[in-house]
Amino acid sequence: MNRAQSRKAMLKQSRAALWTIQVAVDAVADSIQQLKLLQAHAHRGHRAALVTLRLARHHSLTDCDMLRVEDSVGKFARLMDWPAVMRSRSRYERLERPLSDTESRQLANLAGSALLVAAGMLDITEQVDAWYGELAVTAATVARSALANVTNQVHRKRADKLMLRLEELCTTTQIAWAFAEGAQDRPQLPRTLH
C-alpha cells in the first residue's frame, strides 16, 4: 500500500471513529430525553392512581371490603414508607351514603386496581431507569474507546467537542447515578411518591 492509500485509509478510519462517537453521544442524549418523558408520564399515572385510591377507600365500605382495602393499603404504605397521616383512613362527609354490597365491592375493587397501578408505575420507572442507565453507560464507554482512533486533526476537534458534550450529559440529574462508582449496585431508594 502506498503512502496516499495509507493516508486515505487512516482518514476513513478516523471518520468512522468520529461517527461512532457521534452515535454514542446521540444515544446518551436520547436516553436522557426519553427518561424525562417516561418518568413524567409514569409519575402522573402514579399520582392519578393515588387520587383514585383515596377516593375509593374513603367511601362507606362494608366491613369486609374495608378490611380488604385497608390491609392492602397498609402493606403498600409500609413498603413505600408513607407517613402515618397518609396511612390512616378518614371518612369524608361528602362521600357518606349507604352502599349496597355490590357497590361496596366495586369500590373496593377500584381501590385495589388503583393501588396496583400506583405500585406498578413505581416498578416501571425503576425498570426504565435501569434500561436507559445501562444504555447511557455503554454508549459513553463506546465513545471513549473510539476517541483514540480519531487521528485526523479536523475530526479530532469535532470529537473533542462531542466528548465535552458527553461529559455534560453524563452529569445530568436523570442519568448521573448510572455513572457513579458502583452504579450497578444502585441502592434502592425509598419509594415515597405521595
C-alpha atoms as a PDB file:
ATOM      1  CA  MET A   1       0.000   0.000   0.000  1.00  0.00           C
ATOM      2  CA  ASN A   2       1.472   3.362  -0.979  1.00  0.00           C
ATOM      3  CA  ARG A   3       1.536   6.458   1.203  1.00  0.00           C
ATOM      4  CA  ALA A   4      -1.562   8.064  -0.374  1.00  0.00           C
ATOM      5  CA  GLN A   5      -3.594   4.909   0.104  1.00  0.00           C
ATOM      6  CA  SER A   6      -2.387   4.644   3.685  1.00  0.00           C
ATOM      7  CA  ARG A   7      -3.405   8.253   4.421  1.00  0.00           C
ATOM      8  CA  LYS A   8      -6.786   7.635   2.789  1.00  0.00           C
ATOM      9  CA  ALA A   9      -7.326   4.501   4.892  1.00  0.00           C
ATOM     10  CA  MET A  10      -6.380   6.372   8.098  1.00  0.00           C
ATOM     11  CA  LEU A  11      -8.750   9.208   7.166  1.00  0.00           C
ATOM     12  CA  LYS A  12     -11.540   6.698   6.610  1.00  0.00           C
ATOM     13  CA  GLN A  13     -10.865   5.029   9.995  1.00  0.00           C
ATOM     14  CA  SER A  14     -10.762   8.409  11.721  1.00  0.00           C
ATOM     15  CA  ARG A  15     -14.091   9.377  10.142  1.00  0.00           C
ATOM     16  CA  ALA A  16     -15.613   6.053  11.217  1.00  0.00           C
ATOM     17  CA  ALA A  17     -14.413   6.572  14.815  1.00  0.00           C
ATOM     18  CA  LEU A  18     -15.859  10.104  14.797  1.00  0.00           C
ATOM     19  CA  TRP A  19     -19.163   8.705  13.565  1.00  0.00           C
ATOM     20  CA  THR A  20     -19.127   6.142  16.382  1.00  0.00           C
ATOM     21  CA  ILE A  21     -18.638   8.923  18.923  1.00  0.00           C
ATOM     22  CA  GLN A  22     -21.479  10.947  17.380  1.00  0.00           C
ATOM     23  CA  VAL A  23     -23.868   7.989  17.509  1.00  0.00           C
ATOM     24  CA  ALA A  24     -22.888   7.234  21.119  1.00  0.00           C
ATOM     25  CA  VAL A  25     -23.383  10.842  22.263  1.00  0.00           C
ATOM     26  CA  ASP A  26     -26.746  10.921  20.497  1.00  0.00           C
ATOM     27  CA  ALA A  27     -27.720   7.700  22.303  1.00  0.00           C
ATOM     28  CA  VAL A  28     -26.913   9.243  25.702  1.00  0.00           C
ATOM     29  CA  ALA A  29     -28.819  12.440  24.833  1.00  0.00           C
ATOM     30  CA  ASP A  30     -31.811  10.408  23.644  1.00  0.00           C
ATOM     31  CA  SER A  31     -31.710   8.264  26.788  1.00  0.00           C
ATOM     32  CA  ILE A  32     -31.945  11.365  28.939  1.00  0.00           C
ATOM     33  CA  GLN A  33     -34.800  12.805  26.883  1.00  0.00           C
ATOM     34  CA  GLN A  34     -36.740   9.538  26.941  1.00  0.00           C
ATOM     35  CA  LEU A  35     -36.206   9.192  30.696  1.00  0.00           C
ATOM     36  CA  LYS A  36     -37.611  12.671  31.273  1.00  0.00           C
ATOM     37  CA  LEU A  37     -40.708  11.937  29.220  1.00  0.00           C
ATOM     38  CA  LEU A  38     -41.364   8.443  30.519  1.00  0.00           C
ATOM     39  CA  GLN A  39     -40.773   9.404  34.149  1.00  0.00           C
ATOM     40  CA  ALA A  40     -43.139  12.359  33.840  1.00  0.00           C
ATOM     41  CA  HIS A  41     -45.886  10.134  32.387  1.00  0.00           C
ATOM     42  CA  ALA A  42     -45.335   7.412  34.966  1.00  0.00           C
ATOM     43  CA  HIS A  43     -45.372   9.895  37.852  1.00  0.00           C
ATOM     44  CA  ARG A  44     -48.612  11.427  36.569  1.00  0.00           C
ATOM     45  CA  GLY A  45     -50.128   7.949  36.346  1.00  0.00           C
ATOM     46  CA  HIS A  46     -48.912   7.164  39.850  1.00  0.00           C
ATOM     47  CA  ARG A  47     -50.420  10.346  41.293  1.00  0.00           C
ATOM     48  CA  ALA A  48     -53.727   9.818  39.470  1.00  0.00           C
ATOM     49  CA  ALA A  49     -53.921   6.253  40.813  1.00  0.00           C
ATOM     50  CA  LEU A  50     -53.320   7.518  44.349  1.00  0.00           C
ATOM     51  CA  VAL A  51     -56.141  10.046  43.961  1.00  0.00           C
ATOM     52  CA  THR A  52     -58.459   7.252  42.803  1.00  0.00           C
ATOM     53  CA  LEU A  53     -57.320   5.073  45.698  1.00  0.00           C
ATOM     54  CA  ARG A  54     -58.058   7.837  48.221  1.00  0.00           C
ATOM     55  CA  LEU A  55     -61.479   8.435  46.710  1.00  0.00           C
ATOM     56  CA  ALA A  56     -62.399   4.756  46.785  1.00  0.00           C
ATOM     57  CA  ARG A  57     -61.095   3.978  50.281  1.00  0.00           C
ATOM     58  CA  HIS A  58     -62.827   6.934  51.935  1.00  0.00           C
ATOM     59  CA  HIS A  59     -66.310   5.735  51.000  1.00  0.00           C
ATOM     60  CA  SER A  60     -68.530   3.932  53.486  1.00  0.00           C
ATOM     61  CA  LEU A  61     -67.427   0.456  52.501  1.00  0.00           C
ATOM     62  CA  THR A  62     -68.800  -2.661  54.162  1.00  0.00           C
ATOM     63  CA  ASP A  63     -66.659  -4.047  56.970  1.00  0.00           C
ATOM     64  CA  CYS A  64     -65.403  -6.952  54.868  1.00  0.00           C
ATOM     65  CA  ASP A  65     -64.432  -4.701  51.950  1.00  0.00           C
ATOM     66  CA  MET A  66     -62.947  -2.138  54.318  1.00  0.00           C
ATOM     67  CA  LEU A  67     -60.686  -4.762  55.900  1.00  0.00           C
ATOM     68  CA  ARG A  68     -59.533  -5.985  52.493  1.00  0.00           C
ATOM     69  CA  VAL A  69     -58.737  -2.472  51.232  1.00  0.00           C
ATOM     70  CA  GLU A  70     -57.067  -1.289  54.434  1.00  0.00           C
ATOM     71  CA  ASP A  71     -54.931  -4.426  54.625  1.00  0.00           C
ATOM     72  CA  SER A  72     -53.657  -3.817  51.090  1.00  0.00           C
ATOM     73  CA  VAL A  73     -53.144  -0.106  51.706  1.00  0.00           C
ATOM     74  CA  GLY A  74     -51.311  -0.843  54.957  1.00  0.00           C
ATOM     75  CA  LYS A  75     -48.864  -3.212  53.243  1.00  0.00           C
ATOM     76  CA  PHE A  76     -48.241  -0.755  50.428  1.00  0.00           C
ATOM     77  CA  ALA A  77     -47.865   2.161  52.860  1.00  0.00           C
ATOM     78  CA  ARG A  78     -45.215   0.302  54.865  1.00  0.00           C
ATOM     79  CA  LEU A  79     -43.352  -0.612  51.681  1.00  0.00           C
ATOM     80  CA  MET A  80     -43.481   2.992  50.475  1.00  0.00           C
ATOM     81  CA  ASP A  81     -42.703   4.387  53.926  1.00  0.00           C
ATOM     82  CA  TRP A  82     -45.750   6.624  53.911  1.00  0.00           C
ATOM     83  CA  PRO A  83     -46.239   8.939  56.871  1.00  0.00           C
ATOM     84  CA  ALA A  84     -48.943   7.924  59.353  1.00  0.00           C
ATOM     85  CA  VAL A  85     -51.291  10.638  58.071  1.00  0.00           C
ATOM     86  CA  MET A  86     -51.350   9.035  54.628  1.00  0.00           C
ATOM     87  CA  ARG A  87     -51.740   5.544  56.071  1.00  0.00           C
ATOM     88  CA  SER A  88     -54.771   6.432  58.115  1.00  0.00           C
ATOM     89  CA  ARG A  89     -58.225   6.347  56.684  1.00  0.00           C
ATOM     90  CA  SER A  90     -60.780   9.006  57.366  1.00  0.00           C
ATOM     91  CA  ARG A  91     -64.325   9.361  56.249  1.00  0.00           C
ATOM     92  CA  TYR A  92     -65.387  12.262  54.135  1.00  0.00           C
ATOM     93  CA  GLU A  93     -68.849  13.573  54.766  1.00  0.00           C
ATOM     94  CA  ARG A  94     -69.391  14.309  51.104  1.00  0.00           C
ATOM     95  CA  LEU A  95     -68.832  10.605  50.321  1.00  0.00           C
ATOM     96  CA  GLU A  96     -71.117   9.340  53.097  1.00  0.00           C
ATOM     97  CA  ARG A  97     -74.079   7.423  51.716  1.00  0.00           C
ATOM     98  CA  PRO A  98     -75.378   3.929  52.106  1.00  0.00           C
ATOM     99  CA  LEU A  99     -73.737   1.465  49.732  1.00  0.00           C
ATOM    100  CA  SER A 100     -75.105  -1.831  48.563  1.00  0.00           C
ATOM    101  CA  ASP A 101     -72.837  -4.867  48.935  1.00  0.00           C
ATOM    102  CA  THR A 102     -72.224  -4.829  45.194  1.00  0.00           C
ATOM    103  CA  GLU A 103     -71.340  -1.140  45.148  1.00  0.00           C
ATOM    104  CA  SER A 104     -69.047  -1.533  48.156  1.00  0.00           C
ATOM    105  CA  ARG A 105     -67.295  -4.480  46.499  1.00  0.00           C
ATOM    106  CA  GLN A 106     -66.899  -2.465  43.267  1.00  0.00           C
ATOM    107  CA  LEU A 107     -65.377   0.463  45.160  1.00  0.00           C
ATOM    108  CA  ALA A 108     -63.037  -1.931  46.981  1.00  0.00           C
ATOM    109  CA  ASN A 109     -62.037  -3.385  43.599  1.00  0.00           C
ATOM    110  CA  LEU A 110     -61.469   0.144  42.302  1.00  0.00           C
ATOM    111  CA  ALA A 111     -59.206   0.853  45.279  1.00  0.00           C
ATOM    112  CA  GLY A 112     -57.325  -2.396  44.658  1.00  0.00           C
ATOM    113  CA  SER A 113     -56.874  -1.618  40.968  1.00  0.00           C
ATOM    114  CA  ALA A 114     -55.680   1.898  41.742  1.00  0.00           C
ATOM    115  CA  LEU A 115     -53.220   0.531  44.287  1.00  0.00           C
ATOM    116  CA  LEU A 116     -51.925  -1.939  41.717  1.00  0.00           C
ATOM    117  CA  VAL A 117     -51.417   0.871  39.189  1.00  0.00           C
ATOM    118  CA  ALA A 118     -49.690   3.092  41.778  1.00  0.00           C
ATOM    119  CA  ALA A 119     -47.234   0.318  42.668  1.00  0.00           C
ATOM    120  CA  GLY A 120     -46.798  -0.666  39.036  1.00  0.00           C
ATOM    121  CA  MET A 121     -45.885   2.855  37.984  1.00  0.00           C
ATOM    122  CA  LEU A 122     -43.066   2.837  40.524  1.00  0.00           C
ATOM    123  CA  ASP A 123     -41.816  -0.518  39.263  1.00  0.00           C
ATOM    124  CA  ILE A 124     -41.951   0.722  35.689  1.00  0.00           C
ATOM    125  CA  THR A 125     -39.935   3.856  36.449  1.00  0.00           C
ATOM    126  CA  GLU A 126     -37.277   1.784  38.220  1.00  0.00           C
ATOM    127  CA  GLN A 127     -37.035  -0.587  35.256  1.00  0.00           C
ATOM    128  CA  VAL A 128     -36.895   2.255  32.722  1.00  0.00           C
ATOM    129  CA  ASP A 129     -34.161   3.929  34.793  1.00  0.00           C
ATOM    130  CA  ALA A 130     -32.149   0.706  34.746  1.00  0.00           C
ATOM    131  CA  TRP A 131     -32.549   0.172  30.992  1.00  0.00           C
ATOM    132  CA  TYR A 132     -31.687   3.699  29.952  1.00  0.00           C
ATOM    133  CA  GLY A 133     -28.918   3.939  32.548  1.00  0.00           C
ATOM    134  CA  GLU A 134     -27.253   0.848  31.105  1.00  0.00           C
ATOM    135  CA  LEU A 135     -27.669   2.184  27.564  1.00  0.00           C
ATOM    136  CA  ALA A 136     -26.097   5.523  28.509  1.00  0.00           C
ATOM    137  CA  VAL A 137     -23.143   3.926  30.309  1.00  0.00           C
ATOM    138  CA  THR A 138     -22.478   1.565  27.418  1.00  0.00           C
ATOM    139  CA  ALA A 139     -22.737   4.363  24.839  1.00  0.00           C
ATOM    140  CA  ALA A 140     -20.329   6.543  26.839  1.00  0.00           C
ATOM    141  CA  THR A 141     -17.863   3.659  27.072  1.00  0.00           C
ATOM    142  CA  VAL A 142     -18.046   3.135  23.309  1.00  0.00           C
ATOM    143  CA  ALA A 143     -17.473   6.857  22.654  1.00  0.00           C
ATOM    144  CA  ARG A 144     -14.465   6.964  24.976  1.00  0.00           C
ATOM    145  CA  SER A 145     -12.880   3.914  23.371  1.00  0.00           C
ATOM    146  CA  ALA A 146     -13.413   5.280  19.851  1.00  0.00           C
ATOM    147  CA  LEU A 147     -11.714   8.590  20.696  1.00  0.00           C
ATOM    148  CA  ALA A 148      -8.233   7.075  20.392  1.00  0.00           C
ATOM    149  CA  ASN A 149      -8.968   6.140  16.788  1.00  0.00           C
ATOM    150  CA  VAL A 150      -9.786   9.707  15.718  1.00  0.00           C
ATOM    151  CA  THR A 151      -6.449  10.675  14.162  1.00  0.00           C
ATOM    152  CA  ASN A 152      -7.371  13.424  11.701  1.00  0.00           C
ATOM    153  CA  GLN A 153      -7.000  16.935  13.184  1.00  0.00           C
ATOM    154  CA  VAL A 154     -10.324  18.197  11.824  1.00  0.00           C
ATOM    155  CA  HIS A 155     -12.073  15.090  13.075  1.00  0.00           C
ATOM    156  CA  ARG A 156     -10.282  15.386  16.413  1.00  0.00           C
ATOM    157  CA  LYS A 157     -11.625  18.899  17.027  1.00  0.00           C
ATOM    158  CA  ARG A 158     -15.154  17.670  16.399  1.00  0.00           C
ATOM    159  CA  ALA A 159     -14.552  14.588  18.541  1.00  0.00           C
ATOM    160  CA  ASP A 160     -13.279  16.728  21.422  1.00  0.00           C
ATOM    161  CA  LYS A 161     -16.441  18.847  21.258  1.00  0.00           C
ATOM    162  CA  LEU A 162     -18.562  15.708  21.258  1.00  0.00           C
ATOM    163  CA  MET A 163     -16.678  14.332  24.260  1.00  0.00           C
ATOM    164  CA  LEU A 164     -17.278  17.586  26.159  1.00  0.00           C
ATOM    165  CA  ARG A 165     -20.973  17.253  25.334  1.00  0.00           C
ATOM    166  CA  LEU A 166     -20.884  13.646  26.507  1.00  0.00           C
ATOM    167  CA  GLU A 167     -19.359  14.653  29.846  1.00  0.00           C
ATOM    168  CA  GLU A 168     -22.069  17.302  30.288  1.00  0.00           C
ATOM    169  CA  LEU A 169     -24.783  14.770  29.514  1.00  0.00           C
ATOM    170  CA  CYS A 170     -23.337  12.240  31.949  1.00  0.00           C
ATOM    171  CA  THR A 171     -23.732  14.698  34.823  1.00  0.00           C
ATOM    172  CA  THR A 172     -27.423  15.488  34.277  1.00  0.00           C
ATOM    173  CA  THR A 173     -29.697  14.502  37.126  1.00  0.00           C
ATOM    174  CA  GLN A 174     -31.636  11.941  35.103  1.00  0.00           C
ATOM    175  CA  ILE A 175     -28.588   9.792  34.346  1.00  0.00           C
ATOM    176  CA  ALA A 176     -25.682  10.797  36.617  1.00  0.00           C
ATOM    177  CA  TRP A 177     -26.450   7.958  39.060  1.00  0.00           C
ATOM    178  CA  ALA A 178     -25.596   5.431  36.343  1.00  0.00           C
ATOM    179  CA  PHE A 179     -22.054   6.780  36.059  1.00  0.00           C
ATOM    180  CA  ALA A 180     -21.410   6.828  39.789  1.00  0.00           C
ATOM    181  CA  GLU A 181     -18.998   4.262  41.158  1.00  0.00           C
ATOM    182  CA  GLY A 182     -20.839   1.049  41.944  1.00  0.00           C
ATOM    183  CA  ALA A 183     -23.900   2.129  39.951  1.00  0.00           C
ATOM    184  CA  GLN A 184     -24.671  -1.481  39.063  1.00  0.00           C
ATOM    185  CA  ASP A 185     -25.277  -1.967  42.783  1.00  0.00           C
ATOM    186  CA  ARG A 186     -27.569   1.058  42.837  1.00  0.00           C
ATOM    187  CA  PRO A 187     -29.240   1.252  46.230  1.00  0.00           C
ATOM    188  CA  GLN A 188     -32.982   1.032  46.214  1.00  0.00           C
ATOM    189  CA  LEU A 189     -34.234   4.457  47.108  1.00  0.00           C
ATOM    190  CA  PRO A 190     -37.304   4.615  49.309  1.00  0.00           C
ATOM    191  CA  ARG A 191     -40.306   4.856  47.029  1.00  0.00           C
ATOM    192  CA  THR A 192     -42.247   7.716  48.542  1.00  0.00           C
ATOM    193  CA  LEU A 193     -44.084   9.375  45.687  1.00  0.00           C
ATOM    194  CA  HIS A 194     -47.060  10.683  47.641  1.00  0.00           C
END
